[in-house]
């Protein structure tokens, strides 16, 4: 569960070019261990802060919001690569072909 938790949050940060703050409850409740892996992830997908214990914990990181603009303006500049003439036929169709 830990691997997949990190994977989806890192992928989400990278694919959306944004900071992700993932909060995961720690401790044991009704006999069940909680995940306890709160983390802050940069637009690059890098984990910049992560909870280290299973208890109450505060994590902090400096989040440069300009970093989001860099990713959205370079790697994920979808307008630059948009080619509507290439998919116009399928976008005009209604129902199955």
PDB file of N, CA and C in Angstrom:
ATOM      1  N   UNK A   1       0.827  -1.193   0.000  1.00  0.00           N
ATOM      2  CA  UNK A   1       0.000   0.000   0.000  1.00  0.00           C
ATOM      3  C   UNK A   1       0.871   1.256   0.000  1.00  0.00           C
ATOM      4  N   UNK A   2       1.966   1.229   0.717  1.00  0.00           N
ATOM      5  CA  UNK A   2       2.859   2.382   0.786  1.00  0.00           C
ATOM      6  C   UNK A   2       3.420   2.731  -0.592  1.00  0.00           C
ATOM      7  N   UNK A   3       3.867   1.714  -1.323  1.00  0.00           N
ATOM      8  CA  UNK A   3       4.439   1.936  -2.656  1.00  0.00           C
ATOM      9  C   UNK A   3       3.437   2.636  -3.562  1.00  0.00           C
ATOM     10  N   UNK A   4       2.212   2.123  -3.606  1.00  0.00           N
ATOM     11  CA  UNK A   4       1.198   2.687  -4.490  1.00  0.00           C
ATOM     12  C   UNK A   4       0.767   4.081  -4.043  1.00  0.00           C
ATOM     13  N   UNK A   5       0.720   4.309  -2.742  1.00  0.00           N
ATOM     14  CA  UNK A   5       0.380   5.629  -2.225  1.00  0.00           C
ATOM     15  C   UNK A   5       1.372   6.665  -2.741  1.00  0.00           C
ATOM     16  N   UNK A   6       2.657   6.370  -2.624  1.00  0.00           N
ATOM     17  CA  UNK A   6       3.691   7.290  -3.113  1.00  0.00           C
ATOM     18  C   UNK A   6       3.620   7.436  -4.632  1.00  0.00           C
ATOM     19  N   UNK A   7       3.473   6.322  -5.316  1.00  0.00           N
ATOM     20  CA  UNK A   7       3.467   6.315  -6.778  1.00  0.00           C
ATOM     21  C   UNK A   7       2.382   7.220  -7.350  1.00  0.00           C
ATOM     22  N   UNK A   8       1.153   7.082  -6.867  1.00  0.00           N
ATOM     23  CA  UNK A   8       0.065   7.875  -7.446  1.00  0.00           C
ATOM     24  C   UNK A   8       0.202   9.354  -7.106  1.00  0.00           C
ATOM     25  N   UNK A   9       0.699   9.661  -5.913  1.00  0.00           N
ATOM     26  CA  UNK A   9       0.873  11.079  -5.576  1.00  0.00           C
ATOM     27  C   UNK A   9       2.014  11.704  -6.365  1.00  0.00           C
ATOM     28  N   UNK A  10       3.119  10.974  -6.537  1.00  0.00           N
ATOM     29  CA  UNK A  10       4.234  11.502  -7.326  1.00  0.00           C
ATOM     30  C   UNK A  10       3.824  11.671  -8.784  1.00  0.00           C
ATOM     31  N   UNK A  11       3.124  10.689  -9.327  1.00  0.00           N
ATOM     32  CA  UNK A  11       2.665  10.782 -10.717  1.00  0.00           C
ATOM     33  C   UNK A  11       1.686  11.939 -10.878  1.00  0.00           C
ATOM     34  N   UNK A  12       0.784  12.108  -9.917  1.00  0.00           N
ATOM     35  CA  UNK A  12      -0.180  13.203  -9.981  1.00  0.00           C
ATOM     36  C   UNK A  12       0.490  14.563  -9.971  1.00  0.00           C
ATOM     37  N   UNK A  13       1.499  14.720  -9.126  1.00  0.00           N
ATOM     38  CA  UNK A  13       2.230  15.988  -9.066  1.00  0.00           C
ATOM     39  C   UNK A  13       2.913  16.266 -10.397  1.00  0.00           C
ATOM     40  N   UNK A  14       3.593  15.268 -10.928  1.00  0.00           N
ATOM     41  CA  UNK A  14       4.344  15.435 -12.172  1.00  0.00           C
ATOM     42  C   UNK A  14       3.414  15.680 -13.360  1.00  0.00           C
ATOM     43  N   UNK A  15       2.385  14.862 -13.512  1.00  0.00           N
ATOM     44  CA  UNK A  15       1.494  14.973 -14.665  1.00  0.00           C
ATOM     45  C   UNK A  15       0.702  16.280 -14.672  1.00  0.00           C
ATOM     46  N   UNK A  16       0.438  16.824 -13.500  1.00  0.00           N
ATOM     47  CA  UNK A  16      -0.319  18.070 -13.412  1.00  0.00           C
ATOM     48  C   UNK A  16       0.562  19.289 -13.202  1.00  0.00           C
ATOM     49  N   UNK A  17       1.865  19.075 -13.060  1.00  0.00           N
ATOM     50  CA  UNK A  17       2.790  20.183 -12.870  1.00  0.00           C
ATOM     51  C   UNK A  17       2.450  21.029 -11.662  1.00  0.00           C
ATOM     52  N   UNK A  18       2.120  20.373 -10.559  1.00  0.00           N
ATOM     53  CA  UNK A  18       1.700  21.113  -9.373  1.00  0.00           C
ATOM     54  C   UNK A  18       2.198  20.444  -8.101  1.00  0.00           C
ATOM     55  N   UNK A  19       2.185  21.186  -7.027  1.00  0.00           N
ATOM     56  CA  UNK A  19       2.543  20.639  -5.721  1.00  0.00           C
ATOM     57  C   UNK A  19       1.414  19.752  -5.227  1.00  0.00           C
ATOM     58  N   UNK A  20       1.758  18.685  -4.548  1.00  0.00           N
ATOM     59  CA  UNK A  20       0.771  17.801  -3.937  1.00  0.00           C
ATOM     60  C   UNK A  20       1.084  17.704  -2.453  1.00  0.00           C
ATOM     61  N   UNK A  21       0.066  17.909  -1.638  1.00  0.00           N
ATOM     62  CA  UNK A  21       0.181  17.689  -0.199  1.00  0.00           C
ATOM     63  C   UNK A  21      -0.759  16.537   0.121  1.00  0.00           C
ATOM     64  N   UNK A  22      -0.170  15.381   0.389  1.00  0.00           N
ATOM     65  CA  UNK A  22      -0.946  14.181   0.688  1.00  0.00           C
ATOM     66  C   UNK A  22      -0.952  13.931   2.185  1.00  0.00           C
ATOM     67  N   UNK A  23      -2.129  13.870   2.764  1.00  0.00           N
ATOM     68  CA  UNK A  23      -2.260  13.684   4.206  1.00  0.00           C
ATOM     69  C   UNK A  23      -2.770  12.276   4.479  1.00  0.00           C
ATOM     70  N   UNK A  24      -2.034  11.544   5.314  1.00  0.00           N
ATOM     71  CA  UNK A  24      -2.415  10.170   5.641  1.00  0.00           C
ATOM     72  C   UNK A  24      -2.424  10.004   7.157  1.00  0.00           C
ATOM     73  N   UNK A  25      -3.536   9.602   7.676  1.00  0.00           N
ATOM     74  CA  UNK A  25      -3.704   9.400   9.120  1.00  0.00           C
ATOM     75  C   UNK A  25      -2.717   8.360   9.633  1.00  0.00           C
ATOM     76  N   UNK A  26      -2.182   8.601  10.809  1.00  0.00           N
ATOM     77  CA  UNK A  26      -1.279   7.653  11.447  1.00  0.00           C
ATOM     78  C   UNK A  26      -1.932   7.010  12.653  1.00  0.00           C
ATOM     79  N   UNK A  27      -1.251   6.034  13.213  1.00  0.00           N
ATOM     80  CA  UNK A  27      -1.728   5.383  14.422  1.00  0.00           C
ATOM     81  C   UNK A  27      -2.553   4.144  14.144  1.00  0.00           C
ATOM     82  N   UNK A  28      -3.172   3.648  15.201  1.00  0.00           N
ATOM     83  CA  UNK A  28      -4.006   2.447  15.115  1.00  0.00           C
ATOM     84  C   UNK A  28      -5.416   2.824  15.532  1.00  0.00           C
ATOM     85  N   UNK A  29      -6.374   2.443  14.722  1.00  0.00           N
ATOM     86  CA  UNK A  29      -7.772   2.709  15.039  1.00  0.00           C
ATOM     87  C   UNK A  29      -8.554   1.424  14.853  1.00  0.00           C
ATOM     88  N   UNK A  30      -9.244   1.001  15.912  1.00  0.00           N
ATOM     89  CA  UNK A  30     -10.021  -0.238  15.904  1.00  0.00           C
ATOM     90  C   UNK A  30      -9.175  -1.421  15.449  1.00  0.00           C
ATOM     91  N   UNK A  31      -7.919  -1.436  15.904  1.00  0.00           N
ATOM     92  CA  UNK A  31      -7.023  -2.550  15.608  1.00  0.00           C
ATOM     93  C   UNK A  31      -6.392  -2.534  14.230  1.00  0.00           C
ATOM     94  N   UNK A  32      -6.599  -1.471  13.478  1.00  0.00           N
ATOM     95  CA  UNK A  32      -6.060  -1.393  12.115  1.00  0.00           C
ATOM     96  C   UNK A  32      -4.991  -0.302  12.056  1.00  0.00           C
ATOM     97  N   UNK A  33      -3.793  -0.659  11.554  1.00  0.00           N
ATOM     98  CA  UNK A  33      -2.724   0.325  11.371  1.00  0.00           C
ATOM     99  C   UNK A  33      -3.069   1.250  10.213  1.00  0.00           C
ATOM    100  N   UNK A  34      -2.921   2.538  10.440  1.00  0.00           N
ATOM    101  CA  UNK A  34      -3.130   3.518   9.371  1.00  0.00           C
ATOM    102  C   UNK A  34      -1.838   3.699   8.584  1.00  0.00           C
ATOM    103  N   UNK A  35      -1.946   4.251   7.406  1.00  0.00           N
ATOM    104  CA  UNK A  35      -0.808   4.398   6.501  1.00  0.00           C
ATOM    105  C   UNK A  35       0.284   5.304   7.068  1.00  0.00           C
ATOM    106  N   UNK A  36      -0.091   6.450   7.591  1.00  0.00           N
ATOM    107  CA  UNK A  36       0.841   7.371   8.253  1.00  0.00           C
ATOM    108  C   UNK A  36       1.996   7.825   7.374  1.00  0.00           C
ATOM    109  N   UNK A  37       1.731   8.141   6.128  1.00  0.00           N
ATOM    110  CA  UNK A  37       2.797   8.624   5.255  1.00  0.00           C
ATOM    111  C   UNK A  37       2.414   9.936   4.596  1.00  0.00           C
ATOM    112  N   UNK A  38       2.083  10.918   5.405  1.00  0.00           N
ATOM    113  CA  UNK A  38       1.815  12.242   4.847  1.00  0.00           C
ATOM    114  C   UNK A  38       3.072  12.727   4.146  1.00  0.00           C
ATOM    115  N   UNK A  39       2.898  13.433   3.028  1.00  0.00           N
ATOM    116  CA  UNK A  39       4.070  13.916   2.299  1.00  0.00           C
ATOM    117  C   UNK A  39       3.735  15.136   1.459  1.00  0.00           C
ATOM    118  N   UNK A  40       4.784  15.863   1.122  1.00  0.00           N
ATOM    119  CA  UNK A  40       4.687  17.015   0.228  1.00  0.00           C
ATOM    120  C   UNK A  40       5.554  16.693  -0.980  1.00  0.00           C
ATOM    121  N   UNK A  41       4.955  16.822  -2.170  1.00  0.00           N
ATOM    122  CA  UNK A  41       5.628  16.414  -3.399  1.00  0.00           C
ATOM    123  C   UNK A  41       5.689  17.594  -4.363  1.00  0.00           C
ATOM    124  N   UNK A  42       6.875  17.809  -4.925  1.00  0.00           N
ATOM    125  CA  UNK A  42       7.112  18.905  -5.866  1.00  0.00           C
ATOM    126  C   UNK A  42       6.531  18.578  -7.240  1.00  0.00           C
ATOM    127  N   UNK A  43       6.348  19.587  -8.092  1.00  0.00           N
ATOM    128  CA  UNK A  43       5.859  19.347  -9.452  1.00  0.00           C
ATOM    129  C   UNK A  43       6.741  18.384 -10.253  1.00  0.00           C
ATOM    130  N   UNK A  44       7.965  18.202  -9.834  1.00  0.00           N
ATOM    131  CA  UNK A  44       8.874  17.264 -10.507  1.00  0.00           C
ATOM    132  C   UNK A  44       8.584  15.819 -10.126  1.00  0.00           C
ATOM    133  N   UNK A  45       7.750  15.610  -9.109  1.00  0.00           N
ATOM    134  CA  UNK A  45       7.479  14.274  -8.598  1.00  0.00           C
ATOM    135  C   UNK A  45       8.369  13.908  -7.421  1.00  0.00           C
ATOM    136  N   UNK A  46       9.300  14.791  -7.084  1.00  0.00           N
ATOM    137  CA  UNK A  46      10.223  14.536  -5.969  1.00  0.00           C
ATOM    138  C   UNK A  46       9.509  14.733  -4.632  1.00  0.00           C
ATOM    139  N   UNK A  47       9.692  13.788  -3.717  1.00  0.00           N
ATOM    140  CA  UNK A  47       9.157  13.927  -2.366  1.00  0.00           C
ATOM    141  C   UNK A  47      10.093  14.866  -1.606  1.00  0.00           C
ATOM    142  N   UNK A  48       9.578  16.024  -1.183  1.00  0.00           N
ATOM    143  CA  UNK A  48      10.420  17.006  -0.498  1.00  0.00           C
ATOM    144  C   UNK A  48      10.247  16.972   1.017  1.00  0.00           C
ATOM    145  N   UNK A  49       9.170  16.379   1.500  1.00  0.00           N
ATOM    146  CA  UNK A  49       8.968  16.200   2.940  1.00  0.00           C
ATOM    147  C   UNK A  49       8.059  15.001   3.136  1.00  0.00           C
ATOM    148  N   UNK A  50       8.351  14.223   4.181  1.00  0.00           N
ATOM    149  CA  UNK A  50       7.547  13.029   4.439  1.00  0.00           C
ATOM    150  C   UNK A  50       7.534  12.742   5.933  1.00  0.00           C
ATOM    151  N   UNK A  51       6.385  12.335   6.444  1.00  0.00           N
ATOM    152  CA  UNK A  51       6.276  11.944   7.848  1.00  0.00           C
ATOM    153  C   UNK A  51       7.187  10.746   8.102  1.00  0.00           C
ATOM    154  N   UNK A  52       7.826  10.740   9.254  1.00  0.00           N
ATOM    155  CA  UNK A  52       8.792   9.684   9.577  1.00  0.00           C
ATOM    156  C   UNK A  52       8.284   8.702  10.621  1.00  0.00           C
ATOM    157  N   UNK A  53       7.170   9.050  11.279  1.00  0.00           N
ATOM    158  CA  UNK A  53       6.670   8.194  12.352  1.00  0.00           C
ATOM    159  C   UNK A  53       5.224   7.802  12.082  1.00  0.00           C
ATOM    160  N   UNK A  54       4.689   6.978  12.966  1.00  0.00           N
ATOM    161  CA  UNK A  54       3.299   6.548  12.873  1.00  0.00           C
ATOM    162  C   UNK A  54       2.405   7.412  13.762  1.00  0.00           C
ATOM    163  N   UNK A  55       3.004   8.391  14.435  1.00  0.00           N
ATOM    164  CA  UNK A  55       2.244   9.243  15.342  1.00  0.00           C
ATOM    165  C   UNK A  55       1.901  10.579  14.721  1.00  0.00           C
ATOM    166  N   UNK A  56       1.408  11.484  15.584  1.00  0.00           N
ATOM    167  CA  UNK A  56       1.106  12.843  15.125  1.00  0.00           C
ATOM    168  C   UNK A  56       2.406  13.523  14.726  1.00  0.00           C
ATOM    169  N   UNK A  57       2.402  14.160  13.591  1.00  0.00           N
ATOM    170  CA  UNK A  57       3.626  14.764  13.081  1.00  0.00           C
ATOM    171  C   UNK A  57       3.272  15.904  12.134  1.00  0.00           C
ATOM    172  N   UNK A  58       4.070  16.950  12.168  1.00  0.00           N
ATOM    173  CA  UNK A  58       3.902  18.088  11.269  1.00  0.00           C
ATOM    174  C   UNK A  58       5.075  18.095  10.301  1.00  0.00           C
ATOM    175  N   UNK A  59       4.775  18.123   9.017  1.00  0.00           N
ATOM    176  CA  UNK A  59       5.842  18.225   8.015  1.00  0.00           C
ATOM    177  C   UNK A  59       5.681  19.550   7.284  1.00  0.00           C
ATOM    178  N   UNK A  60       6.795  20.153   6.913  1.00  0.00           N
ATOM    179  CA  UNK A  60       6.766  21.444   6.220  1.00  0.00           C
ATOM    180  C   UNK A  60       7.785  21.432   5.089  1.00  0.00           C
ATOM    181  N   UNK A  61       7.553  22.280   4.112  1.00  0.00           N
ATOM    182  CA  UNK A  61       8.500  22.446   3.006  1.00  0.00           C
ATOM    183  C   UNK A  61       8.251  23.806   2.373  1.00  0.00           C
ATOM    184  N   UNK A  62       9.296  24.402   1.836  1.00  0.00           N
ATOM    185  CA  UNK A  62       9.145  25.625   1.055  1.00  0.00           C
ATOM    186  C   UNK A  62       8.643  25.227  -0.327  1.00  0.00           C
ATOM    187  N   UNK A  63       7.501  25.759  -0.723  1.00  0.00           N
ATOM    188  CA  UNK A  63       6.901  25.405  -2.009  1.00  0.00           C
ATOM    189  C   UNK A  63       6.927  26.625  -2.928  1.00  0.00           C
ATOM    190  N   UNK A  64       7.814  26.621  -3.878  1.00  0.00           N
ATOM    191  CA  UNK A  64       7.929  27.707  -4.850  1.00  0.00           C
ATOM    192  C   UNK A  64       6.862  27.505  -5.923  1.00  0.00           C
ATOM    193  N   UNK A  65       5.812  28.311  -5.867  1.00  0.00           N
ATOM    194  CA  UNK A  65       4.702  28.145  -6.805  1.00  0.00           C
ATOM    195  C   UNK A  65       5.091  28.468  -8.240  1.00  0.00           C
ATOM    196  N   UNK A  66       6.166  29.229  -8.433  1.00  0.00           N
ATOM    197  CA  UNK A  66       6.644  29.506  -9.789  1.00  0.00           C
ATOM    198  C   UNK A  66       7.125  28.235 -10.483  1.00  0.00           C
ATOM    199  N   UNK A  67       7.491  27.241  -9.698  1.00  0.00           N
ATOM    200  CA  UNK A  67       7.931  25.968 -10.262  1.00  0.00           C
ATOM    201  C   UNK A  67       6.802  25.334 -11.084  1.00  0.00           C
ATOM    202  N   UNK A  68       5.551  25.546 -10.662  1.00  0.00           N
ATOM    203  CA  UNK A  68       4.397  25.017 -11.403  1.00  0.00           C
ATOM    204  C   UNK A  68       4.351  25.621 -12.803  1.00  0.00           C
ATOM    205  N   UNK A  69       4.577  26.924 -12.887  1.00  0.00           N
ATOM    206  CA  UNK A  69       4.554  27.595 -14.188  1.00  0.00           C
ATOM    207  C   UNK A  69       5.629  27.043 -15.113  1.00  0.00           C
ATOM    208  N   UNK A  70       6.781  26.728 -14.554  1.00  0.00           N
ATOM    209  CA  UNK A  70       7.861  26.152 -15.362  1.00  0.00           C
ATOM    210  C   UNK A  70       7.407  24.840 -15.999  1.00  0.00           C
ATOM    211  N   UNK A  71       6.824  23.953 -15.213  1.00  0.00           N
ATOM    212  CA  UNK A  71       6.391  22.659 -15.746  1.00  0.00           C
ATOM    213  C   UNK A  71       5.240  22.812 -16.733  1.00  0.00           C
ATOM    214  N   UNK A  72       4.295  23.662 -16.400  1.00  0.00           N
ATOM    215  CA  UNK A  72       3.138  23.837 -17.283  1.00  0.00           C
ATOM    216  C   UNK A  72       3.502  24.595 -18.554  1.00  0.00           C
ATOM    217  N   UNK A  73       4.557  25.404 -18.505  1.00  0.00           N
ATOM    218  CA  UNK A  73       4.954  26.196 -19.665  1.00  0.00           C
ATOM    219  C   UNK A  73       5.991  25.529 -20.546  1.00  0.00           C
ATOM    220  N   UNK A  74       6.564  24.435 -20.092  1.00  0.00           N
ATOM    221  CA  UNK A  74       7.600  23.761 -20.890  1.00  0.00           C
ATOM    222  C   UNK A  74       7.211  22.318 -21.175  1.00  0.00           C
ATOM    223  N   UNK A  75       7.317  21.471 -20.186  1.00  0.00           N
ATOM    224  CA  UNK A  75       7.034  20.045 -20.393  1.00  0.00           C
ATOM    225  C   UNK A  75       5.588  19.768 -20.768  1.00  0.00           C
ATOM    226  N   UNK A  76       4.677  20.494 -20.133  1.00  0.00           N
ATOM    227  CA  UNK A  76       3.265  20.211 -20.336  1.00  0.00           C
ATOM    228  C   UNK A  76       2.535  21.383 -20.983  1.00  0.00           C
ATOM    229  N   UNK A  77       3.145  21.964 -22.007  1.00  0.00           N
ATOM    230  CA  UNK A  77       2.524  23.046 -22.769  1.00  0.00           C
ATOM    231  C   UNK A  77       1.654  22.407 -23.852  1.00  0.00           C
ATOM    232  N   UNK A  78       0.461  21.977 -23.451  1.00  0.00           N
ATOM    233  CA  UNK A  78      -0.404  21.228 -24.356  1.00  0.00           C
ATOM    234  C   UNK A  78      -0.867  22.054 -25.555  1.00  0.00           C
ATOM    235  N   UNK A  79      -1.005  23.361 -25.396  1.00  0.00           N
ATOM    236  CA  UNK A  79      -1.415  24.198 -26.528  1.00  0.00           C
ATOM    237  C   UNK A  79      -0.392  24.158 -27.659  1.00  0.00           C
ATOM    238  N   UNK A  80       0.871  24.078 -27.309  1.00  0.00           N
ATOM    239  CA  UNK A  80       1.933  24.066 -28.323  1.00  0.00           C
ATOM    240  C   UNK A  80       1.842  22.803 -29.198  1.00  0.00           C
ATOM    241  N   UNK A  81       1.435  21.703 -28.618  1.00  0.00           N
ATOM    242  CA  UNK A  81       1.412  20.435 -29.351  1.00  0.00           C
ATOM    243  C   UNK A  81       0.016  20.049 -29.844  1.00  0.00           C
ATOM    244  N   UNK A  82      -0.954  20.891 -29.600  1.00  0.00           N
ATOM    245  CA  UNK A  82      -2.330  20.585 -29.980  1.00  0.00           C
ATOM    246  C   UNK A  82      -2.465  20.608 -31.499  1.00  0.00           C
ATOM    247  N   UNK A  83      -3.063  19.558 -32.071  1.00  0.00           N
ATOM    248  CA  UNK A  83      -3.236  19.464 -33.525  1.00  0.00           C
ATOM    249  C   UNK A  83      -4.674  19.048 -33.838  1.00  0.00           C
ATOM    250  N   UNK A  84      -5.632  19.970 -33.718  1.00  0.00           N
ATOM    251  CA  UNK A  84      -7.036  19.600 -33.909  1.00  0.00           C
ATOM    252  C   UNK A  84      -7.330  19.047 -35.295  1.00  0.00           C
ATOM    253  N   UNK A  85      -6.561  19.444 -36.307  1.00  0.00           N
ATOM    254  CA  UNK A  85      -6.807  18.907 -37.655  1.00  0.00           C
ATOM    255  C   UNK A  85      -6.540  17.403 -37.713  1.00  0.00           C
ATOM    256  N   UNK A  86      -5.776  16.893 -36.769  1.00  0.00           N
ATOM    257  CA  UNK A  86      -5.454  15.470 -36.755  1.00  0.00           C
ATOM    258  C   UNK A  86      -6.552  14.633 -36.103  1.00  0.00           C
ATOM    259  N   UNK A  87      -7.367  15.248 -35.255  1.00  0.00           N
ATOM    260  CA  UNK A  87      -8.412  14.471 -34.590  1.00  0.00           C
ATOM    261  C   UNK A  87      -9.796  15.075 -34.788  1.00  0.00           C
ATOM    262  N   UNK A  88      -9.937  15.954 -35.750  1.00  0.00           N
ATOM    263  CA  UNK A  88     -11.219  16.586 -36.022  1.00  0.00           C
ATOM    264  C   UNK A  88     -12.314  15.598 -36.388  1.00  0.00           C
ATOM    265  N   UNK A  89     -11.976  14.593 -37.187  1.00  0.00           N
ATOM    266  CA  UNK A  89     -12.981  13.620 -37.624  1.00  0.00           C
ATOM    267  C   UNK A  89     -13.622  12.913 -36.436  1.00  0.00           C
ATOM    268  N   UNK A  90     -12.821  12.445 -35.522  1.00  0.00           N
ATOM    269  CA  UNK A  90     -13.402  11.703 -34.397  1.00  0.00           C
ATOM    270  C   UNK A  90     -14.140  12.616 -33.427  1.00  0.00           C
ATOM    271  N   UNK A  91     -13.788  13.890 -33.375  1.00  0.00           N
ATOM    272  CA  UNK A  91     -14.487  14.789 -32.458  1.00  0.00           C
ATOM    273  C   UNK A  91     -15.824  15.253 -33.037  1.00  0.00           C
ATOM    274  N   UNK A  92     -16.025  15.122 -34.351  1.00  0.00           N
ATOM    275  CA  UNK A  92     -17.296  15.499 -34.973  1.00  0.00           C
ATOM    276  C   UNK A  92     -18.311  14.365 -34.918  1.00  0.00           C
ATOM    277  N   UNK A  93     -17.853  13.145 -34.824  1.00  0.00           N
ATOM    278  CA  UNK A  93     -18.749  11.987 -34.831  1.00  0.00           C
ATOM    279  C   UNK A  93     -19.585  11.921 -33.560  1.00  0.00           C
ATOM    280  N   UNK A  94     -20.791  11.413 -33.707  1.00  0.00           N
ATOM    281  CA  UNK A  94     -21.663  11.176 -32.561  1.00  0.00           C
ATOM    282  C   UNK A  94     -22.045   9.708 -32.579  1.00  0.00           C
ATOM    283  N   UNK A  95     -21.998   9.090 -31.429  1.00  0.00           N
ATOM    284  CA  UNK A  95     -22.317   7.667 -31.352  1.00  0.00           C
ATOM    285  C   UNK A  95     -21.152   6.827 -31.829  1.00  0.00           C
ATOM    286  N   UNK A  96     -21.398   5.558 -32.001  1.00  0.00           N
ATOM    287  CA  UNK A  96     -20.317   4.662 -32.427  1.00  0.00           C
ATOM    288  C   UNK A  96     -20.156   4.708 -33.940  1.00  0.00           C
ATOM    289  N   UNK A  97     -18.964   4.432 -34.388  1.00  0.00           N
ATOM    290  CA  UNK A  97     -18.653   4.466 -35.822  1.00  0.00           C
ATOM    291  C   UNK A  97     -18.749   3.064 -36.385  1.00  0.00           C
TER     292      UNK A  97
END
